[in-house]
Amino acid sequence: MWYGDRDSYLPWWFTNVLGTKTASKSFINAATFIRHFHFVRNSFVRHVDWLNYGSEFPGNPFPVYIGDVMQIARSISYPPTYEQVSHSRIVVGFSGSVPYCAQHTTDSSWVRWDLTTSGYSIGKLGKYVRLFYYTPNN
């Protein structure tokens, strides 16, 4: 989207020139991605927390829209922070009122918002898990 130091969270870009793919860190790194959209684009970032290892989150906690970004952070201390974001997914549709996401790590295109690709609750990923979510185009 614009040029700049590829190792900073400020620019956000991807190119594929003559088969050579290059991207800014904020385009390919989950922790830098959230910093870009929160601090550079002023996207309002909301969050949902799992406070105990293995807990399930009851129901759908928020109004989300197709195109919204969800990012997972986990930590041994509370609360997980932006720097601990390790995964990104994008809302691509709904089954009833339940959001489903696409992600690249395991190339999945229809994963329930609160589950891993293996079907486990995101809440089982660590002692404390925070799911950040926001609309990049707000």
C-alpha atoms as a PDB file:
ATOM      1  CA  MET A   1       0.000   0.000   0.000  1.00  0.00           C
ATOM      2  CA  TRP A   2       2.968   2.254   0.503  1.00  0.00           C
ATOM      3  CA  TYR A   3       6.714   2.048   0.589  1.00  0.00           C
ATOM      4  CA  GLY A   4       9.082   2.334   3.513  1.00  0.00           C
ATOM      5  CA  ASP A   5      11.433   0.396   5.761  1.00  0.00           C
ATOM      6  CA  ARG A   6      10.198  -3.189   5.389  1.00  0.00           C
ATOM      7  CA  ASP A   7      11.266  -4.049   8.972  1.00  0.00           C
ATOM      8  CA  SER A   8       9.081  -1.367  10.568  1.00  0.00           C
ATOM      9  CA  TYR A   9       5.377  -1.603  11.440  1.00  0.00           C
ATOM     10  CA  LEU A  10       4.762   1.671   9.564  1.00  0.00           C
ATOM     11  CA  PRO A  11       4.522   0.448   5.938  1.00  0.00           C
ATOM     12  CA  TRP A  12       2.183  -2.294   4.741  1.00  0.00           C
ATOM     13  CA  TRP A  13       2.910  -3.696   1.291  1.00  0.00           C
ATOM     14  CA  PHE A  14       3.441  -6.810  -0.833  1.00  0.00           C
ATOM     15  CA  THR A  15       4.948  -7.127  -4.308  1.00  0.00           C
ATOM     16  CA  ASN A  16       5.377  -9.960  -6.759  1.00  0.00           C
ATOM     17  CA  VAL A  17       7.674  -8.702  -9.503  1.00  0.00           C
ATOM     18  CA  LEU A  18       8.807 -11.292 -12.048  1.00  0.00           C
ATOM     19  CA  GLY A  19       8.048 -14.087  -9.575  1.00  0.00           C
ATOM     20  CA  THR A  20      10.030 -12.496  -6.742  1.00  0.00           C
ATOM     21  CA  LYS A  21       7.751 -11.981  -3.741  1.00  0.00           C
ATOM     22  CA  THR A  22       8.665  -9.310  -1.207  1.00  0.00           C
ATOM     23  CA  ALA A  23       6.610  -7.900   1.648  1.00  0.00           C
ATOM     24  CA  SER A  24       6.881  -5.512   4.533  1.00  0.00           C
ATOM     25  CA  LYS A  25       7.174  -7.043   7.990  1.00  0.00           C
ATOM     26  CA  SER A  26       3.709  -5.712   8.850  1.00  0.00           C
ATOM     27  CA  PHE A  27       2.250  -7.701   5.938  1.00  0.00           C
ATOM     28  CA  ILE A  28       3.783 -11.054   6.946  1.00  0.00           C
ATOM     29  CA  ASN A  29       4.263 -10.879  10.741  1.00  0.00           C
ATOM     30  CA  ALA A  30       1.178 -11.137  12.983  1.00  0.00           C
ATOM     31  CA  ALA A  31       2.519  -8.967  15.842  1.00  0.00           C
ATOM     32  CA  THR A  32       3.673  -6.230  13.459  1.00  0.00           C
ATOM     33  CA  PHE A  33       0.433  -6.477  11.452  1.00  0.00           C
ATOM     34  CA  ILE A  34      -1.711  -5.533  14.477  1.00  0.00           C
ATOM     35  CA  ARG A  35       0.623  -2.670  15.387  1.00  0.00           C
ATOM     36  CA  HIS A  36       0.262  -1.272  11.861  1.00  0.00           C
ATOM     37  CA  PHE A  37      -3.520  -1.317  11.861  1.00  0.00           C
ATOM     38  CA  HIS A  38      -3.841  -0.053  15.426  1.00  0.00           C
ATOM     39  CA  PHE A  39      -1.182   2.679  15.487  1.00  0.00           C
ATOM     40  CA  VAL A  40      -0.882   3.720  11.829  1.00  0.00           C
ATOM     41  CA  ARG A  41      -4.460   3.306  10.610  1.00  0.00           C
ATOM     42  CA  ASN A  42      -6.120   4.003  13.960  1.00  0.00           C
ATOM     43  CA  SER A  43      -8.324   0.911  13.660  1.00  0.00           C
ATOM     44  CA  PHE A  44     -10.306   0.345  16.826  1.00  0.00           C
ATOM     45  CA  VAL A  45      -9.040  -2.931  18.291  1.00  0.00           C
ATOM     46  CA  ARG A  46     -11.346  -4.916  20.571  1.00  0.00           C
ATOM     47  CA  HIS A  47     -10.560  -8.142  22.402  1.00  0.00           C
ATOM     48  CA  VAL A  48     -11.961 -11.296  24.009  1.00  0.00           C
ATOM     49  CA  ASP A  49     -10.091 -13.142  26.778  1.00  0.00           C
ATOM     50  CA  TRP A  50      -9.795 -16.737  27.916  1.00  0.00           C
ATOM     51  CA  LEU A  51      -8.521 -16.514  31.495  1.00  0.00           C
ATOM     52  CA  ASN A  52      -7.882 -20.135  32.406  1.00  0.00           C
ATOM     53  CA  TYR A  53      -6.167 -22.940  30.560  1.00  0.00           C
ATOM     54  CA  GLY A  54      -8.702 -25.025  28.675  1.00  0.00           C
ATOM     55  CA  SER A  55     -11.687 -22.753  29.196  1.00  0.00           C
ATOM     56  CA  GLU A  56     -14.320 -22.450  26.505  1.00  0.00           C
ATOM     57  CA  PHE A  57     -15.768 -19.088  25.507  1.00  0.00           C
ATOM     58  CA  PRO A  58     -19.567 -19.098  25.724  1.00  0.00           C
ATOM     59  CA  GLY A  59     -21.304 -18.001  22.545  1.00  0.00           C
ATOM     60  CA  ASN A  60     -20.370 -15.293  20.080  1.00  0.00           C
ATOM     61  CA  PRO A  61     -19.006 -12.302  21.994  1.00  0.00           C
ATOM     62  CA  PHE A  62     -19.056  -9.569  19.400  1.00  0.00           C
ATOM     63  CA  PRO A  63     -20.468  -8.169  16.192  1.00  0.00           C
ATOM     64  CA  VAL A  64     -17.968  -8.989  13.455  1.00  0.00           C
ATOM     65  CA  TYR A  65     -18.150  -8.538   9.725  1.00  0.00           C
ATOM     66  CA  ILE A  66     -16.702 -10.246   6.673  1.00  0.00           C
ATOM     67  CA  GLY A  67     -13.183  -8.871   6.234  1.00  0.00           C
ATOM     68  CA  ASP A  68     -12.555  -8.323   9.948  1.00  0.00           C
ATOM     69  CA  VAL A  69      -9.173  -9.492  11.222  1.00  0.00           C
ATOM     70  CA  MET A  70      -8.853 -11.730  14.288  1.00  0.00           C
ATOM     71  CA  GLN A  71      -5.456 -12.208  15.936  1.00  0.00           C
ATOM     72  CA  ILE A  72      -4.494 -14.626  18.680  1.00  0.00           C
ATOM     73  CA  ALA A  73      -2.070 -13.755  21.509  1.00  0.00           C
ATOM     74  CA  ARG A  74      -1.087 -16.115  24.312  1.00  0.00           C
ATOM     75  CA  SER A  75       0.907 -15.672  27.475  1.00  0.00           C
ATOM     76  CA  ILE A  76       1.800 -17.237  30.828  1.00  0.00           C
ATOM     77  CA  SER A  77       0.878 -13.933  32.492  1.00  0.00           C
ATOM     78  CA  TYR A  78      -2.238 -11.802  32.155  1.00  0.00           C
ATOM     79  CA  PRO A  79      -3.019 -10.001  29.934  1.00  0.00           C
ATOM     80  CA  PRO A  80      -1.487 -11.049  26.613  1.00  0.00           C
ATOM     81  CA  THR A  81      -0.265  -8.008  24.642  1.00  0.00           C
ATOM     82  CA  TYR A  82       0.115  -6.946  21.005  1.00  0.00           C
ATOM     83  CA  GLU A  83       3.717  -8.175  21.080  1.00  0.00           C
ATOM     84  CA  GLN A  84       2.476 -11.709  21.866  1.00  0.00           C
ATOM     85  CA  VAL A  85       0.185 -11.976  18.831  1.00  0.00           C
ATOM     86  CA  SER A  86       1.278 -15.087  16.970  1.00  0.00           C
ATOM     87  CA  HIS A  87      -1.504 -15.787  14.488  1.00  0.00           C
ATOM     88  CA  SER A  88      -3.908 -13.903  12.208  1.00  0.00           C
ATOM     89  CA  ARG A  89      -7.145 -14.950  10.548  1.00  0.00           C
ATOM     90  CA  ILE A  90      -9.785 -13.111   8.513  1.00  0.00           C
ATOM     91  CA  VAL A  91     -13.566 -13.476   8.786  1.00  0.00           C
ATOM     92  CA  VAL A  92     -14.825 -14.882   5.477  1.00  0.00           C
ATOM     93  CA  GLY A  93     -18.399 -15.869   6.256  1.00  0.00           C
ATOM     94  CA  PHE A  94     -21.009 -17.077   8.703  1.00  0.00           C
ATOM     95  CA  SER A  95     -22.909 -20.231   9.493  1.00  0.00           C
ATOM     96  CA  GLY A  96     -26.011 -18.813  11.128  1.00  0.00           C
ATOM     97  CA  SER A  97     -24.537 -16.153  13.421  1.00  0.00           C
ATOM     98  CA  VAL A  98     -21.204 -17.949  13.969  1.00  0.00           C
ATOM     99  CA  PRO A  99     -18.216 -16.310  12.205  1.00  0.00           C
ATOM    100  CA  TYR A 100     -15.877 -18.508  10.156  1.00  0.00           C
ATOM    101  CA  CYS A 101     -12.351 -17.511   9.161  1.00  0.00           C
ATOM    102  CA  ALA A 102      -9.606 -18.144   6.614  1.00  0.00           C
ATOM    103  CA  GLN A 103      -5.952 -18.361   7.562  1.00  0.00           C
ATOM    104  CA  HIS A 104      -2.655 -19.100   5.901  1.00  0.00           C
ATOM    105  CA  THR A 105      -0.568 -20.927   8.501  1.00  0.00           C
ATOM    106  CA  THR A 106      -2.320 -24.200   7.708  1.00  0.00           C
ATOM    107  CA  ASP A 107      -4.108 -22.931   4.570  1.00  0.00           C
ATOM    108  CA  SER A 108      -7.641 -23.193   5.899  1.00  0.00           C
ATOM    109  CA  SER A 109     -10.601 -21.364   4.439  1.00  0.00           C
ATOM    110  CA  TRP A 110     -13.466 -22.253   6.812  1.00  0.00           C
ATOM    111  CA  VAL A 111     -12.423 -22.369  10.496  1.00  0.00           C
ATOM    112  CA  ARG A 112     -14.872 -21.475  13.268  1.00  0.00           C
ATOM    113  CA  TRP A 113     -13.713 -18.237  14.942  1.00  0.00           C
ATOM    114  CA  ASP A 114     -13.079 -19.814  18.367  1.00  0.00           C
ATOM    115  CA  LEU A 115     -11.410 -23.049  17.222  1.00  0.00           C
ATOM    116  CA  THR A 116      -7.975 -24.061  15.985  1.00  0.00           C
ATOM    117  CA  THR A 117      -7.728 -25.873  12.658  1.00  0.00           C
ATOM    118  CA  SER A 118      -7.547 -29.155  14.602  1.00  0.00           C
ATOM    119  CA  GLY A 119     -10.908 -28.389  16.241  1.00  0.00           C
ATOM    120  CA  TYR A 120      -9.667 -27.429  19.722  1.00  0.00           C
ATOM    121  CA  SER A 121     -10.794 -24.300  21.537  1.00  0.00           C
ATOM    122  CA  ILE A 122      -8.447 -21.338  21.121  1.00  0.00           C
ATOM    123  CA  GLY A 123      -8.706 -21.119  24.920  1.00  0.00           C
ATOM    124  CA  LYS A 124      -6.639 -24.300  25.193  1.00  0.00           C
ATOM    125  CA  LEU A 125      -3.593 -22.735  23.534  1.00  0.00           C
ATOM    126  CA  GLY A 126      -2.120 -21.402  26.787  1.00  0.00           C
ATOM    127  CA  LYS A 127      -2.809 -20.204  30.286  1.00  0.00           C
ATOM    128  CA  TYR A 128      -4.061 -16.823  29.049  1.00  0.00           C
ATOM    129  CA  VAL A 129      -5.286 -16.227  25.516  1.00  0.00           C
ATOM    130  CA  ARG A 130      -6.528 -12.946  24.078  1.00  0.00           C
ATOM    131  CA  LEU A 131      -8.232 -12.699  20.711  1.00  0.00           C
ATOM    132  CA  PHE A 132      -7.831  -9.212  19.237  1.00  0.00           C
ATOM    133  CA  TYR A 133     -10.278  -8.287  16.477  1.00  0.00           C
ATOM    134  CA  TYR A 134     -10.817  -5.229  14.334  1.00  0.00           C
ATOM    135  CA  THR A 135     -12.004  -3.929  10.996  1.00  0.00           C
ATOM    136  CA  PRO A 136      -9.041  -2.652   8.938  1.00  0.00           C
ATOM    137  CA  ASN A 137     -11.238  -0.428   6.735  1.00  0.00           C
ATOM    138  CA  ASN A 138     -13.056   1.478   9.475  1.00  0.00           C
END
